[in-house]
């Protein structure tokens, strides 16, 4: 089965500090990329489903709010270049 390539973003709010972190992942065609980005946000600081905050639509962990800011599909060529500089999470 063919793969799709993505760059995802986790947005973290820790007190007055806010920052984004980019990561790469792949999925097989037909899989839901939103499931992957949600899982990354949930586990970002060791969290699980119980850390979900419905009001803010994010996960809470160690005093931080962690948001899934989605993903953007990229080409395999872009993925190959970026993986030299970014973490690859959940590549199957």
C-alpha atoms as a PDB file:
ATOM      1  CA  UNK A   1       0.000   0.000   0.000  1.00  0.00           C
ATOM      2  CA  UNK A   2       1.238   3.521  -0.765  1.00  0.00           C
ATOM      3  CA  UNK A   3       2.204   5.937   1.961  1.00  0.00           C
ATOM      4  CA  UNK A   4       1.219   9.541   2.527  1.00  0.00           C
ATOM      5  CA  UNK A   5       3.687  11.966   4.089  1.00  0.00           C
ATOM      6  CA  UNK A   6       2.881  14.763   6.538  1.00  0.00           C
ATOM      7  CA  UNK A   7       4.332  17.476   8.715  1.00  0.00           C
ATOM      8  CA  UNK A   8       2.382  17.944  11.951  1.00  0.00           C
ATOM      9  CA  UNK A   9       2.357  20.639  14.612  1.00  0.00           C
ATOM     10  CA  UNK A  10       1.907  20.483  18.367  1.00  0.00           C
ATOM     11  CA  UNK A  11       1.194  23.826  20.058  1.00  0.00           C
ATOM     12  CA  UNK A  12       2.150  24.014  23.716  1.00  0.00           C
ATOM     13  CA  UNK A  13       1.158  26.676  26.244  1.00  0.00           C
ATOM     14  CA  UNK A  14       3.210  26.669  29.432  1.00  0.00           C
ATOM     15  CA  UNK A  15       2.358  29.664  31.609  1.00  0.00           C
ATOM     16  CA  UNK A  16       3.090  32.784  29.567  1.00  0.00           C
ATOM     17  CA  UNK A  17       5.199  30.844  27.043  1.00  0.00           C
ATOM     18  CA  UNK A  18       3.717  29.447  23.835  1.00  0.00           C
ATOM     19  CA  UNK A  19       5.548  27.526  21.152  1.00  0.00           C
ATOM     20  CA  UNK A  20       5.015  25.154  18.246  1.00  0.00           C
ATOM     21  CA  UNK A  21       6.934  21.987  17.548  1.00  0.00           C
ATOM     22  CA  UNK A  22       6.952  20.370  14.108  1.00  0.00           C
ATOM     23  CA  UNK A  23       7.263  16.641  13.486  1.00  0.00           C
ATOM     24  CA  UNK A  24       6.953  14.267  10.538  1.00  0.00           C
ATOM     25  CA  UNK A  25       4.852  11.152  10.105  1.00  0.00           C
ATOM     26  CA  UNK A  26       3.619   8.761   7.459  1.00  0.00           C
ATOM     27  CA  UNK A  27       0.416   6.794   7.122  1.00  0.00           C
ATOM     28  CA  UNK A  28      -0.927   4.342   4.604  1.00  0.00           C
ATOM     29  CA  UNK A  29      -3.454   5.693   2.136  1.00  0.00           C
ATOM     30  CA  UNK A  30      -6.913   5.319   3.603  1.00  0.00           C
ATOM     31  CA  UNK A  31      -5.817   5.891   7.204  1.00  0.00           C
ATOM     32  CA  UNK A  32      -6.989   8.947   9.127  1.00  0.00           C
ATOM     33  CA  UNK A  33      -4.178  11.441   9.731  1.00  0.00           C
ATOM     34  CA  UNK A  34      -6.183  13.239  12.431  1.00  0.00           C
ATOM     35  CA  UNK A  35      -5.944  10.123  14.610  1.00  0.00           C
ATOM     36  CA  UNK A  36      -2.147  10.339  14.411  1.00  0.00           C
ATOM     37  CA  UNK A  37      -1.905  14.040  15.227  1.00  0.00           C
ATOM     38  CA  UNK A  38      -4.295  13.645  18.173  1.00  0.00           C
ATOM     39  CA  UNK A  39      -2.234  10.729  19.515  1.00  0.00           C
ATOM     40  CA  UNK A  40       0.975  12.760  19.257  1.00  0.00           C
ATOM     41  CA  UNK A  41      -0.602  15.678  21.160  1.00  0.00           C
ATOM     42  CA  UNK A  42      -2.011  13.318  23.788  1.00  0.00           C
ATOM     43  CA  UNK A  43       1.336  11.586  24.395  1.00  0.00           C
ATOM     44  CA  UNK A  44       3.497  14.701  23.956  1.00  0.00           C
ATOM     45  CA  UNK A  45       4.329  15.014  27.662  1.00  0.00           C
ATOM     46  CA  UNK A  46       3.355  11.488  28.638  1.00  0.00           C
ATOM     47  CA  UNK A  47      -0.387  12.061  28.760  1.00  0.00           C
ATOM     48  CA  UNK A  48      -3.326   9.816  28.002  1.00  0.00           C
ATOM     49  CA  UNK A  49      -7.063  10.088  27.303  1.00  0.00           C
ATOM     50  CA  UNK A  50      -7.750  11.136  30.916  1.00  0.00           C
ATOM     51  CA  UNK A  51      -5.723  14.330  30.335  1.00  0.00           C
ATOM     52  CA  UNK A  52      -8.158  15.626  27.697  1.00  0.00           C
ATOM     53  CA  UNK A  53      -9.719  19.011  28.502  1.00  0.00           C
ATOM     54  CA  UNK A  54     -13.022  19.436  26.643  1.00  0.00           C
ATOM     55  CA  UNK A  55     -13.312  23.129  27.443  1.00  0.00           C
ATOM     56  CA  UNK A  56      -9.992  24.033  25.775  1.00  0.00           C
ATOM     57  CA  UNK A  57     -10.016  21.093  23.316  1.00  0.00           C
ATOM     58  CA  UNK A  58      -6.487  20.095  24.314  1.00  0.00           C
ATOM     59  CA  UNK A  59      -4.534  17.841  26.631  1.00  0.00           C
ATOM     60  CA  UNK A  60      -3.157  18.893  30.021  1.00  0.00           C
ATOM     61  CA  UNK A  61       0.189  17.604  31.186  1.00  0.00           C
ATOM     62  CA  UNK A  62       2.610  18.842  33.846  1.00  0.00           C
ATOM     63  CA  UNK A  63       1.068  22.325  33.880  1.00  0.00           C
ATOM     64  CA  UNK A  64       1.048  22.673  30.087  1.00  0.00           C
ATOM     65  CA  UNK A  65      -1.819  22.830  27.623  1.00  0.00           C
ATOM     66  CA  UNK A  66      -0.990  20.779  24.543  1.00  0.00           C
ATOM     67  CA  UNK A  67      -2.950  21.359  21.350  1.00  0.00           C
ATOM     68  CA  UNK A  68      -3.073  19.302  18.174  1.00  0.00           C
ATOM     69  CA  UNK A  69      -2.586  21.924  15.461  1.00  0.00           C
ATOM     70  CA  UNK A  70      -3.102  19.450  12.661  1.00  0.00           C
ATOM     71  CA  UNK A  71      -0.920  18.516   9.728  1.00  0.00           C
ATOM     72  CA  UNK A  72      -0.105  19.319   6.151  1.00  0.00           C
ATOM     73  CA  UNK A  73       0.498  16.741   3.460  1.00  0.00           C
ATOM     74  CA  UNK A  74       3.951  16.939   1.857  1.00  0.00           C
ATOM     75  CA  UNK A  75       5.707  15.037  -0.914  1.00  0.00           C
ATOM     76  CA  UNK A  76       8.032  12.095  -0.309  1.00  0.00           C
ATOM     77  CA  UNK A  77      10.905  14.251  -1.538  1.00  0.00           C
ATOM     78  CA  UNK A  78      10.087  16.974   1.012  1.00  0.00           C
ATOM     79  CA  UNK A  79       9.749  14.313   3.707  1.00  0.00           C
ATOM     80  CA  UNK A  80      13.163  12.850   2.863  1.00  0.00           C
ATOM     81  CA  UNK A  81      14.846  16.255   3.151  1.00  0.00           C
ATOM     82  CA  UNK A  82      13.017  17.323   6.320  1.00  0.00           C
ATOM     83  CA  UNK A  83      13.584  14.043   8.164  1.00  0.00           C
ATOM     84  CA  UNK A  84      17.247  15.018   8.411  1.00  0.00           C
ATOM     85  CA  UNK A  85      16.184  17.940  10.624  1.00  0.00           C
ATOM     86  CA  UNK A  86      12.892  16.988  12.318  1.00  0.00           C
ATOM     87  CA  UNK A  87      11.751  14.050  14.416  1.00  0.00           C
ATOM     88  CA  UNK A  88       9.782  11.347  12.618  1.00  0.00           C
ATOM     89  CA  UNK A  89       6.920  10.110  14.812  1.00  0.00           C
ATOM     90  CA  UNK A  90       4.596   7.214  14.063  1.00  0.00           C
ATOM     91  CA  UNK A  91       6.050   6.284  10.706  1.00  0.00           C
ATOM     92  CA  UNK A  92       4.697   2.919   9.621  1.00  0.00           C
END
